[in-house]
mmCIF file of all heavy atoms, coordinates in Angstrom:
data_MODEL
# 
_entry.id   MODEL 
# 
loop_
_atom_site.group_PDB 
_atom_site.id 
_atom_site.type_symbol 
_atom_site.label_atom_id 
_atom_site.label_alt_id 
_atom_site.label_comp_id 
_atom_site.label_asym_id 
_atom_site.label_entity_id 
_atom_site.label_seq_id 
_atom_site.pdbx_PDB_ins_code 
_atom_site.Cartn_x 
_atom_site.Cartn_y 
_atom_site.Cartn_z 
_atom_site.occupancy 
_atom_site.B_iso_or_equiv 
_atom_site.pdbx_formal_charge 
_atom_site.auth_seq_id 
_atom_site.auth_comp_id 
_atom_site.auth_asym_id 
_atom_site.auth_atom_id 
_atom_site.pdbx_PDB_model_num 
ATOM 1   N N   . VAL A 1 1  ? -139.084 -11.283 -48.254 1.00 0.00 ? 1  VAL A N   1 
ATOM 2   C CA  . VAL A 1 1  ? -138.457 -12.475 -48.815 1.00 0.00 ? 1  VAL A CA  1 
ATOM 3   C C   . VAL A 1 1  ? -139.407 -13.107 -49.828 1.00 0.00 ? 1  VAL A C   1 
ATOM 4   O O   . VAL A 1 1  ? -140.613 -13.224 -49.569 1.00 0.00 ? 1  VAL A O   1 
ATOM 5   C CB  . VAL A 1 1  ? -138.109 -13.484 -47.702 1.00 0.00 ? 1  VAL A CB  1 
ATOM 6   C CG1 . VAL A 1 1  ? -137.519 -14.760 -48.285 1.00 0.00 ? 1  VAL A CG1 1 
ATOM 7   C CG2 . VAL A 1 1  ? -137.125 -12.865 -46.704 1.00 0.00 ? 1  VAL A CG2 1 
ATOM 8   N N   . TYR A 1 2  ? -138.843 -13.519 -50.985 1.00 0.00 ? 2  TYR A N   1 
ATOM 9   C CA  . TYR A 1 2  ? -139.649 -14.069 -52.073 1.00 0.00 ? 2  TYR A CA  1 
ATOM 10  C C   . TYR A 1 2  ? -139.119 -15.439 -52.496 1.00 0.00 ? 2  TYR A C   1 
ATOM 11  O O   . TYR A 1 2  ? -137.906 -15.662 -52.526 1.00 0.00 ? 2  TYR A O   1 
ATOM 12  C CB  . TYR A 1 2  ? -139.623 -13.119 -53.276 1.00 0.00 ? 2  TYR A CB  1 
ATOM 13  C CG  . TYR A 1 2  ? -140.337 -11.804 -53.024 1.00 0.00 ? 2  TYR A CG  1 
ATOM 14  C CD1 . TYR A 1 2  ? -139.637 -10.688 -52.571 1.00 0.00 ? 2  TYR A CD1 1 
ATOM 15  C CD2 . TYR A 1 2  ? -141.706 -11.696 -53.216 1.00 0.00 ? 2  TYR A CD2 1 
ATOM 16  C CE1 . TYR A 1 2  ? -140.287 -9.482  -52.329 1.00 0.00 ? 2  TYR A CE1 1 
ATOM 17  C CE2 . TYR A 1 2  ? -142.373 -10.498 -52.976 1.00 0.00 ? 2  TYR A CE2 1 
ATOM 18  C CZ  . TYR A 1 2  ? -141.657 -9.402  -52.534 1.00 0.00 ? 2  TYR A CZ  1 
ATOM 19  O OH  . TYR A 1 2  ? -142.303 -8.215  -52.288 1.00 0.00 ? 2  TYR A OH  1 
ATOM 20  N N   . ARG A 1 3  ? -140.050 -16.295 -52.847 1.00 0.00 ? 3  ARG A N   1 
ATOM 21  C CA  . ARG A 1 3  ? -139.710 -17.653 -53.294 1.00 0.00 ? 3  ARG A CA  1 
ATOM 22  C C   . ARG A 1 3  ? -139.445 -17.643 -54.791 1.00 0.00 ? 3  ARG A C   1 
ATOM 23  O O   . ARG A 1 3  ? -140.186 -17.023 -55.562 1.00 0.00 ? 3  ARG A O   1 
ATOM 24  C CB  . ARG A 1 3  ? -140.843 -18.622 -52.968 1.00 0.00 ? 3  ARG A CB  1 
ATOM 25  C CG  . ARG A 1 3  ? -140.512 -20.091 -53.221 1.00 0.00 ? 3  ARG A CG  1 
ATOM 26  C CD  . ARG A 1 3  ? -141.715 -20.963 -52.892 1.00 0.00 ? 3  ARG A CD  1 
ATOM 27  N NE  . ARG A 1 3  ? -141.408 -22.376 -53.062 1.00 0.00 ? 3  ARG A NE  1 
ATOM 28  C CZ  . ARG A 1 3  ? -140.979 -23.184 -52.103 1.00 0.00 ? 3  ARG A CZ  1 
ATOM 29  N NH1 . ARG A 1 3  ? -140.840 -22.691 -50.879 1.00 0.00 ? 3  ARG A NH1 1 
ATOM 30  N NH2 . ARG A 1 3  ? -140.720 -24.445 -52.326 1.00 0.00 ? 3  ARG A NH2 1 
ATOM 31  N N   . CYS A 1 4  ? -138.402 -18.357 -55.204 1.00 0.00 ? 4  CYS A N   1 
ATOM 32  C CA  . CYS A 1 4  ? -138.035 -18.435 -56.618 1.00 0.00 ? 4  CYS A CA  1 
ATOM 33  C C   . CYS A 1 4  ? -138.522 -19.756 -57.217 1.00 0.00 ? 4  CYS A C   1 
ATOM 34  O O   . CYS A 1 4  ? -138.972 -20.655 -56.502 1.00 0.00 ? 4  CYS A O   1 
ATOM 35  C CB  . CYS A 1 4  ? -136.522 -18.312 -56.776 1.00 0.00 ? 4  CYS A CB  1 
ATOM 36  S SG  . CYS A 1 4  ? -135.839 -16.812 -56.049 1.00 0.00 ? 4  CYS A SG  1 
ATOM 37  N N   . ALA A 1 5  ? -138.405 -19.880 -58.528 1.00 0.00 ? 5  ALA A N   1 
ATOM 38  C CA  . ALA A 1 5  ? -138.924 -21.057 -59.226 1.00 0.00 ? 5  ALA A CA  1 
ATOM 39  C C   . ALA A 1 5  ? -138.246 -22.338 -58.771 1.00 0.00 ? 5  ALA A C   1 
ATOM 40  O O   . ALA A 1 5  ? -138.847 -23.420 -58.802 1.00 0.00 ? 5  ALA A O   1 
ATOM 41  C CB  . ALA A 1 5  ? -138.751 -20.879 -60.728 1.00 0.00 ? 5  ALA A CB  1 
ATOM 42  N N   . CYS A 1 6  ? -136.983 -22.244 -58.337 1.00 0.00 ? 6  CYS A N   1 
ATOM 43  C CA  . CYS A 1 6  ? -136.221 -23.414 -57.913 1.00 0.00 ? 6  CYS A CA  1 
ATOM 44  C C   . CYS A 1 6  ? -136.551 -23.853 -56.492 1.00 0.00 ? 6  CYS A C   1 
ATOM 45  O O   . CYS A 1 6  ? -136.058 -24.888 -56.025 1.00 0.00 ? 6  CYS A O   1 
ATOM 46  C CB  . CYS A 1 6  ? -134.728 -23.116 -58.027 1.00 0.00 ? 6  CYS A CB  1 
ATOM 47  S SG  . CYS A 1 6  ? -134.206 -21.727 -56.981 1.00 0.00 ? 6  CYS A SG  1 
ATOM 48  N N   . GLY A 1 7  ? -137.347 -23.057 -55.778 1.00 0.00 ? 7  GLY A N   1 
ATOM 49  C CA  . GLY A 1 7  ? -137.632 -23.336 -54.379 1.00 0.00 ? 7  GLY A CA  1 
ATOM 50  C C   . GLY A 1 7  ? -136.747 -22.564 -53.431 1.00 0.00 ? 7  GLY A C   1 
ATOM 51  O O   . GLY A 1 7  ? -136.977 -22.571 -52.220 1.00 0.00 ? 7  GLY A O   1 
ATOM 52  N N   . GLY A 1 8  ? -135.715 -21.893 -53.970 1.00 0.00 ? 8  GLY A N   1 
ATOM 53  C CA  . GLY A 1 8  ? -134.868 -21.043 -53.141 1.00 0.00 ? 8  GLY A CA  1 
ATOM 54  C C   . GLY A 1 8  ? -135.548 -19.729 -52.824 1.00 0.00 ? 8  GLY A C   1 
ATOM 55  O O   . GLY A 1 8  ? -136.611 -19.405 -53.378 1.00 0.00 ? 8  GLY A O   1 
ATOM 56  N N   . TRP A 1 9  ? -134.932 -18.956 -51.952 1.00 0.00 ? 9  TRP A N   1 
ATOM 57  C CA  . TRP A 1 9  ? -135.544 -17.720 -51.489 1.00 0.00 ? 9  TRP A CA  1 
ATOM 58  C C   . TRP A 1 9  ? -134.602 -16.541 -51.723 1.00 0.00 ? 9  TRP A C   1 
ATOM 59  O O   . TRP A 1 9  ? -133.381 -16.696 -51.747 1.00 0.00 ? 9  TRP A O   1 
ATOM 60  C CB  . TRP A 1 9  ? -135.882 -17.808 -49.997 1.00 0.00 ? 9  TRP A CB  1 
ATOM 61  C CG  . TRP A 1 9  ? -136.879 -18.870 -49.688 1.00 0.00 ? 9  TRP A CG  1 
ATOM 62  C CD1 . TRP A 1 9  ? -136.622 -20.191 -49.435 1.00 0.00 ? 9  TRP A CD1 1 
ATOM 63  C CD2 . TRP A 1 9  ? -138.303 -18.725 -49.625 1.00 0.00 ? 9  TRP A CD2 1 
ATOM 64  N NE1 . TRP A 1 9  ? -137.797 -20.862 -49.201 1.00 0.00 ? 9  TRP A NE1 1 
ATOM 65  C CE2 . TRP A 1 9  ? -138.849 -19.993 -49.312 1.00 0.00 ? 9  TRP A CE2 1 
ATOM 66  C CE3 . TRP A 1 9  ? -139.172 -17.653 -49.790 1.00 0.00 ? 9  TRP A CE3 1 
ATOM 67  C CZ2 . TRP A 1 9  ? -140.203 -20.220 -49.165 1.00 0.00 ? 9  TRP A CZ2 1 
ATOM 68  C CZ3 . TRP A 1 9  ? -140.531 -17.871 -49.637 1.00 0.00 ? 9  TRP A CZ3 1 
ATOM 69  C CH2 . TRP A 1 9  ? -141.041 -19.136 -49.333 1.00 0.00 ? 9  TRP A CH2 1 
ATOM 70  N N   . LEU A 1 10 ? -135.212 -15.375 -51.889 1.00 0.00 ? 10 LEU A N   1 
ATOM 71  C CA  . LEU A 1 10 ? -134.485 -14.155 -52.178 1.00 0.00 ? 10 LEU A CA  1 
ATOM 72  C C   . LEU A 1 10 ? -134.940 -13.076 -51.210 1.00 0.00 ? 10 LEU A C   1 
ATOM 73  O O   . LEU A 1 10 ? -136.140 -12.881 -51.003 1.00 0.00 ? 10 LEU A O   1 
ATOM 74  C CB  . LEU A 1 10 ? -134.795 -13.726 -53.613 1.00 0.00 ? 10 LEU A CB  1 
ATOM 75  C CG  . LEU A 1 10 ? -133.769 -12.899 -54.385 1.00 0.00 ? 10 LEU A CG  1 
ATOM 76  C CD1 . LEU A 1 10 ? -132.498 -13.703 -54.602 1.00 0.00 ? 10 LEU A CD1 1 
ATOM 77  C CD2 . LEU A 1 10 ? -134.375 -12.503 -55.732 1.00 0.00 ? 10 LEU A CD2 1 
ATOM 78  N N   . SER A 1 11 ? -133.988 -12.368 -50.592 1.00 0.00 ? 11 SER A N   1 
ATOM 79  C CA  . SER A 1 11 ? -134.339 -11.258 -49.714 1.00 0.00 ? 11 SER A CA  1 
ATOM 80  C C   . SER A 1 11 ? -134.210 -9.948  -50.475 1.00 0.00 ? 11 SER A C   1 
ATOM 81  O O   . SER A 1 11 ? -133.274 -9.748  -51.248 1.00 0.00 ? 11 SER A O   1 
ATOM 82  C CB  . SER A 1 11 ? -133.423 -11.229 -48.480 1.00 0.00 ? 11 SER A CB  1 
ATOM 83  O OG  . SER A 1 11 ? -132.110 -10.832 -48.833 1.00 0.00 ? 11 SER A OG  1 
ATOM 84  N N   . VAL A 1 12 ? -135.174 -9.059  -50.244 1.00 0.00 ? 12 VAL A N   1 
ATOM 85  C CA  . VAL A 1 12 ? -135.196 -7.745  -50.883 1.00 0.00 ? 12 VAL A CA  1 
ATOM 86  C C   . VAL A 1 12 ? -135.282 -6.695  -49.790 1.00 0.00 ? 12 VAL A C   1 
ATOM 87  O O   . VAL A 1 12 ? -136.133 -6.784  -48.905 1.00 0.00 ? 12 VAL A O   1 
ATOM 88  C CB  . VAL A 1 12 ? -136.394 -7.606  -51.841 1.00 0.00 ? 12 VAL A CB  1 
ATOM 89  C CG1 . VAL A 1 12 ? -136.466 -6.194  -52.417 1.00 0.00 ? 12 VAL A CG1 1 
ATOM 90  C CG2 . VAL A 1 12 ? -136.307 -8.634  -52.961 1.00 0.00 ? 12 VAL A CG2 1 
ATOM 91  N N   . GLY A 1 13 ? -134.385 -5.697  -49.852 1.00 0.00 ? 13 GLY A N   1 
ATOM 92  C CA  . GLY A 1 13 ? -134.393 -4.639  -48.853 1.00 0.00 ? 13 GLY A CA  1 
ATOM 93  C C   . GLY A 1 13 ? -134.127 -3.283  -49.476 1.00 0.00 ? 13 GLY A C   1 
ATOM 94  O O   . GLY A 1 13 ? -133.292 -2.524  -48.998 1.00 0.00 ? 13 GLY A O   1 
ATOM 95  N N   . ALA A 1 14 ? -134.855 -2.987  -50.544 1.00 0.00 ? 14 ALA A N   1 
ATOM 96  C CA  . ALA A 1 14 ? -134.635 -1.742  -51.300 1.00 0.00 ? 14 ALA A CA  1 
ATOM 97  C C   . ALA A 1 14 ? -135.355 -0.579  -50.623 1.00 0.00 ? 14 ALA A C   1 
ATOM 98  O O   . ALA A 1 14 ? -136.296 0.001   -51.162 1.00 0.00 ? 14 ALA A O   1 
ATOM 99  C CB  . ALA A 1 14 ? -135.106 -1.914  -52.736 1.00 0.00 ? 14 ALA A CB  1 
ATOM 100 N N   . LEU A 1 15 ? -134.893 -0.198  -49.448 1.00 0.00 ? 15 LEU A N   1 
ATOM 101 C CA  . LEU A 1 15 ? -135.576 0.788   -48.613 1.00 0.00 ? 15 LEU A CA  1 
ATOM 102 C C   . LEU A 1 15 ? -135.443 2.217   -49.142 1.00 0.00 ? 15 LEU A C   1 
ATOM 103 O O   . LEU A 1 15 ? -136.434 2.917   -49.342 1.00 0.00 ? 15 LEU A O   1 
ATOM 104 C CB  . LEU A 1 15 ? -135.023 0.700   -47.188 1.00 0.00 ? 15 LEU A CB  1 
ATOM 105 C CG  . LEU A 1 15 ? -135.455 1.757   -46.176 1.00 0.00 ? 15 LEU A CG  1 
ATOM 106 C CD1 . LEU A 1 15 ? -136.960 1.759   -45.992 1.00 0.00 ? 15 LEU A CD1 1 
ATOM 107 C CD2 . LEU A 1 15 ? -134.753 1.525   -44.840 1.00 0.00 ? 15 LEU A CD2 1 
ATOM 108 N N   . GLU A 1 16 ? -134.205 2.665   -49.385 1.00 0.00 ? 16 GLU A N   1 
ATOM 109 C CA  . GLU A 1 16 ? -133.992 4.049   -49.801 1.00 0.00 ? 16 GLU A CA  1 
ATOM 110 C C   . GLU A 1 16 ? -134.283 4.231   -51.293 1.00 0.00 ? 16 GLU A C   1 
ATOM 111 O O   . GLU A 1 16 ? -134.146 3.301   -52.093 1.00 0.00 ? 16 GLU A O   1 
ATOM 112 C CB  . GLU A 1 16 ? -132.547 4.478   -49.490 1.00 0.00 ? 16 GLU A CB  1 
ATOM 113 C CG  . GLU A 1 16 ? -132.251 4.581   -47.997 1.00 0.00 ? 16 GLU A CG  1 
ATOM 114 C CD  . GLU A 1 16 ? -131.868 3.266   -47.358 1.00 0.00 ? 16 GLU A CD  1 
ATOM 115 O OE1 . GLU A 1 16 ? -131.844 2.230   -48.085 1.00 0.00 ? 16 GLU A OE1 1 
ATOM 116 O OE2 . GLU A 1 16 ? -131.626 3.233   -46.149 1.00 0.00 ? 16 GLU A OE2 1 
ATOM 117 N N   . ALA A 1 17 ? -134.639 5.479   -51.656 1.00 0.00 ? 17 ALA A N   1 
ATOM 118 C CA  . ALA A 1 17 ? -135.077 5.774   -53.023 1.00 0.00 ? 17 ALA A CA  1 
ATOM 119 C C   . ALA A 1 17 ? -134.059 5.376   -54.097 1.00 0.00 ? 17 ALA A C   1 
ATOM 120 O O   . ALA A 1 17 ? -134.452 4.773   -55.116 1.00 0.00 ? 17 ALA A O   1 
ATOM 121 C CB  . ALA A 1 17 ? -135.417 7.265   -53.140 1.00 0.00 ? 17 ALA A CB  1 
ATOM 122 N N   . PRO A 1 18 ? -132.770 5.650   -53.945 1.00 0.00 ? 18 PRO A N   1 
ATOM 123 C CA  . PRO A 1 18 ? -131.823 5.259   -55.002 1.00 0.00 ? 18 PRO A CA  1 
ATOM 124 C C   . PRO A 1 18 ? -131.771 3.750   -55.211 1.00 0.00 ? 18 PRO A C   1 
ATOM 125 O O   . PRO A 1 18 ? -131.667 3.280   -56.353 1.00 0.00 ? 18 PRO A O   1 
ATOM 126 C CB  . PRO A 1 18 ? -130.480 5.802   -54.503 1.00 0.00 ? 18 PRO A CB  1 
ATOM 127 C CG  . PRO A 1 18 ? -130.832 6.876   -53.531 1.00 0.00 ? 18 PRO A CG  1 
ATOM 128 C CD  . PRO A 1 18 ? -132.100 6.436   -52.887 1.00 0.00 ? 18 PRO A CD  1 
ATOM 129 N N   . PHE A 1 19 ? -131.844 3.003   -54.117 1.00 0.00 ? 19 PHE A N   1 
ATOM 130 C CA  . PHE A 1 19 ? -131.794 1.549   -54.226 1.00 0.00 ? 19 PHE A CA  1 
ATOM 131 C C   . PHE A 1 19 ? -133.091 0.998   -54.818 1.00 0.00 ? 19 PHE A C   1 
ATOM 132 O O   . PHE A 1 19 ? -133.087 0.035   -55.600 1.00 0.00 ? 19 PHE A O   1 
ATOM 133 C CB  . PHE A 1 19 ? -131.522 0.929   -52.858 1.00 0.00 ? 19 PHE A CB  1 
ATOM 134 C CG  . PHE A 1 19 ? -130.314 1.493   -52.161 1.00 0.00 ? 19 PHE A CG  1 
ATOM 135 C CD1 . PHE A 1 19 ? -130.280 1.642   -50.787 1.00 0.00 ? 19 PHE A CD1 1 
ATOM 136 C CD2 . PHE A 1 19 ? -129.199 1.900   -52.887 1.00 0.00 ? 19 PHE A CD2 1 
ATOM 137 C CE1 . PHE A 1 19 ? -129.173 2.157   -50.136 1.00 0.00 ? 19 PHE A CE1 1 
ATOM 138 C CE2 . PHE A 1 19 ? -128.077 2.426   -52.258 1.00 0.00 ? 19 PHE A CE2 1 
ATOM 139 C CZ  . PHE A 1 19 ? -128.068 2.554   -50.880 1.00 0.00 ? 19 PHE A CZ  1 
ATOM 140 N N   . TYR A 1 20 ? -134.197 1.598   -54.443 1.00 0.00 ? 20 TYR A N   1 
ATOM 141 C CA  . TYR A 1 20 ? -135.501 1.192   -54.991 1.00 0.00 ? 20 TYR A CA  1 
ATOM 142 C C   . TYR A 1 20 ? -135.533 1.436   -56.496 1.00 0.00 ? 20 TYR A C   1 
ATOM 143 O O   . TYR A 1 20 ? -136.053 0.613   -57.259 1.00 0.00 ? 20 TYR A O   1 
ATOM 144 C CB  . TYR A 1 20 ? -136.608 1.975   -54.287 1.00 0.00 ? 20 TYR A CB  1 
ATOM 145 C CG  . TYR A 1 20 ? -138.014 1.596   -54.694 1.00 0.00 ? 20 TYR A CG  1 
ATOM 146 C CD1 . TYR A 1 20 ? -138.532 0.340   -54.410 1.00 0.00 ? 20 TYR A CD1 1 
ATOM 147 C CD2 . TYR A 1 20 ? -138.839 2.514   -55.347 1.00 0.00 ? 20 TYR A CD2 1 
ATOM 148 C CE1 . TYR A 1 20 ? -139.828 0.000   -54.762 1.00 0.00 ? 20 TYR A CE1 1 
ATOM 149 C CE2 . TYR A 1 20 ? -140.143 2.188   -55.703 1.00 0.00 ? 20 TYR A CE2 1 
ATOM 150 C CZ  . TYR A 1 20 ? -140.634 0.916   -55.409 1.00 0.00 ? 20 TYR A CZ  1 
ATOM 151 O OH  . TYR A 1 20 ? -141.927 0.583   -55.769 1.00 0.00 ? 20 TYR A OH  1 
ATOM 152 N N   . ALA A 1 21 ? -134.955 2.546   -56.933 1.00 0.00 ? 21 ALA A N   1 
ATOM 153 C CA  . ALA A 1 21 ? -134.926 2.853   -58.369 1.00 0.00 ? 21 ALA A CA  1 
ATOM 154 C C   . ALA A 1 21 ? -134.109 1.814   -59.127 1.00 0.00 ? 21 ALA A C   1 
ATOM 155 O O   . ALA A 1 21 ? -134.507 1.354   -60.211 1.00 0.00 ? 21 ALA A O   1 
ATOM 156 C CB  . ALA A 1 21 ? -134.352 4.249   -58.595 1.00 0.00 ? 21 ALA A CB  1 
ATOM 157 N N   . ILE A 1 22 ? -132.975 1.421   -58.580 1.00 0.00 ? 22 ILE A N   1 
ATOM 158 C CA  . ILE A 1 22 ? -132.157 0.379   -59.217 1.00 0.00 ? 22 ILE A CA  1 
ATOM 159 C C   . ILE A 1 22 ? -132.920 -0.938  -59.255 1.00 0.00 ? 22 ILE A C   1 
ATOM 160 O O   . ILE A 1 22 ? -132.916 -1.652  -60.268 1.00 0.00 ? 22 ILE A O   1 
ATOM 161 C CB  . ILE A 1 22 ? -130.829 0.221   -58.457 1.00 0.00 ? 22 ILE A CB  1 
ATOM 162 C CG1 . ILE A 1 22 ? -130.005 1.508   -58.545 1.00 0.00 ? 22 ILE A CG1 1 
ATOM 163 C CG2 . ILE A 1 22 ? -130.038 -0.968  -59.006 1.00 0.00 ? 22 ILE A CG2 1 
ATOM 164 C CD1 . ILE A 1 22 ? -128.791 1.511   -57.633 1.00 0.00 ? 22 ILE A CD1 1 
ATOM 165 N N   . PHE A 1 23 ? -133.578 -1.262  -58.157 1.00 0.00 ? 23 PHE A N   1 
ATOM 166 C CA  . PHE A 1 23 ? -134.363 -2.495  -58.049 1.00 0.00 ? 23 PHE A CA  1 
ATOM 167 C C   . PHE A 1 23 ? -135.427 -2.555  -59.147 1.00 0.00 ? 23 PHE A C   1 
ATOM 168 O O   . PHE A 1 23 ? -135.534 -3.547  -59.882 1.00 0.00 ? 23 PHE A O   1 
ATOM 169 C CB  . PHE A 1 23 ? -134.991 -2.551  -56.657 1.00 0.00 ? 23 PHE A CB  1 
ATOM 170 C CG  . PHE A 1 23 ? -135.937 -3.684  -56.419 1.00 0.00 ? 23 PHE A CG  1 
ATOM 171 C CD1 . PHE A 1 23 ? -135.480 -4.986  -56.338 1.00 0.00 ? 23 PHE A CD1 1 
ATOM 172 C CD2 . PHE A 1 23 ? -137.301 -3.453  -56.257 1.00 0.00 ? 23 PHE A CD2 1 
ATOM 173 C CE1 . PHE A 1 23 ? -136.366 -6.038  -56.109 1.00 0.00 ? 23 PHE A CE1 1 
ATOM 174 C CE2 . PHE A 1 23 ? -138.191 -4.485  -56.023 1.00 0.00 ? 23 PHE A CE2 1 
ATOM 175 C CZ  . PHE A 1 23 ? -137.716 -5.784  -55.946 1.00 0.00 ? 23 PHE A CZ  1 
ATOM 176 N N   . LEU A 1 24 ? -136.178 -1.479  -59.298 1.00 0.00 ? 24 LEU A N   1 
ATOM 177 C CA  . LEU A 1 24 ? -137.227 -1.452  -60.324 1.00 0.00 ? 24 LEU A CA  1 
ATOM 178 C C   . LEU A 1 24 ? -136.629 -1.498  -61.726 1.00 0.00 ? 24 LEU A C   1 
ATOM 179 O O   . LEU A 1 24 ? -137.152 -2.182  -62.621 1.00 0.00 ? 24 LEU A O   1 
ATOM 180 C CB  . LEU A 1 24 ? -138.079 -0.197  -60.167 1.00 0.00 ? 24 LEU A CB  1 
ATOM 181 C CG  . LEU A 1 24 ? -138.938 -0.082  -58.907 1.00 0.00 ? 24 LEU A CG  1 
ATOM 182 C CD1 . LEU A 1 24 ? -139.768 1.199   -58.962 1.00 0.00 ? 24 LEU A CD1 1 
ATOM 183 C CD2 . LEU A 1 24 ? -139.847 -1.293  -58.730 1.00 0.00 ? 24 LEU A CD2 1 
# 
């Protein structure tokens, strides 16, 4: 989980290779 500039939070779960590639 990462904090954004507004103070909100974002969850990231790019576990598998295809999803990780899209994420990057």
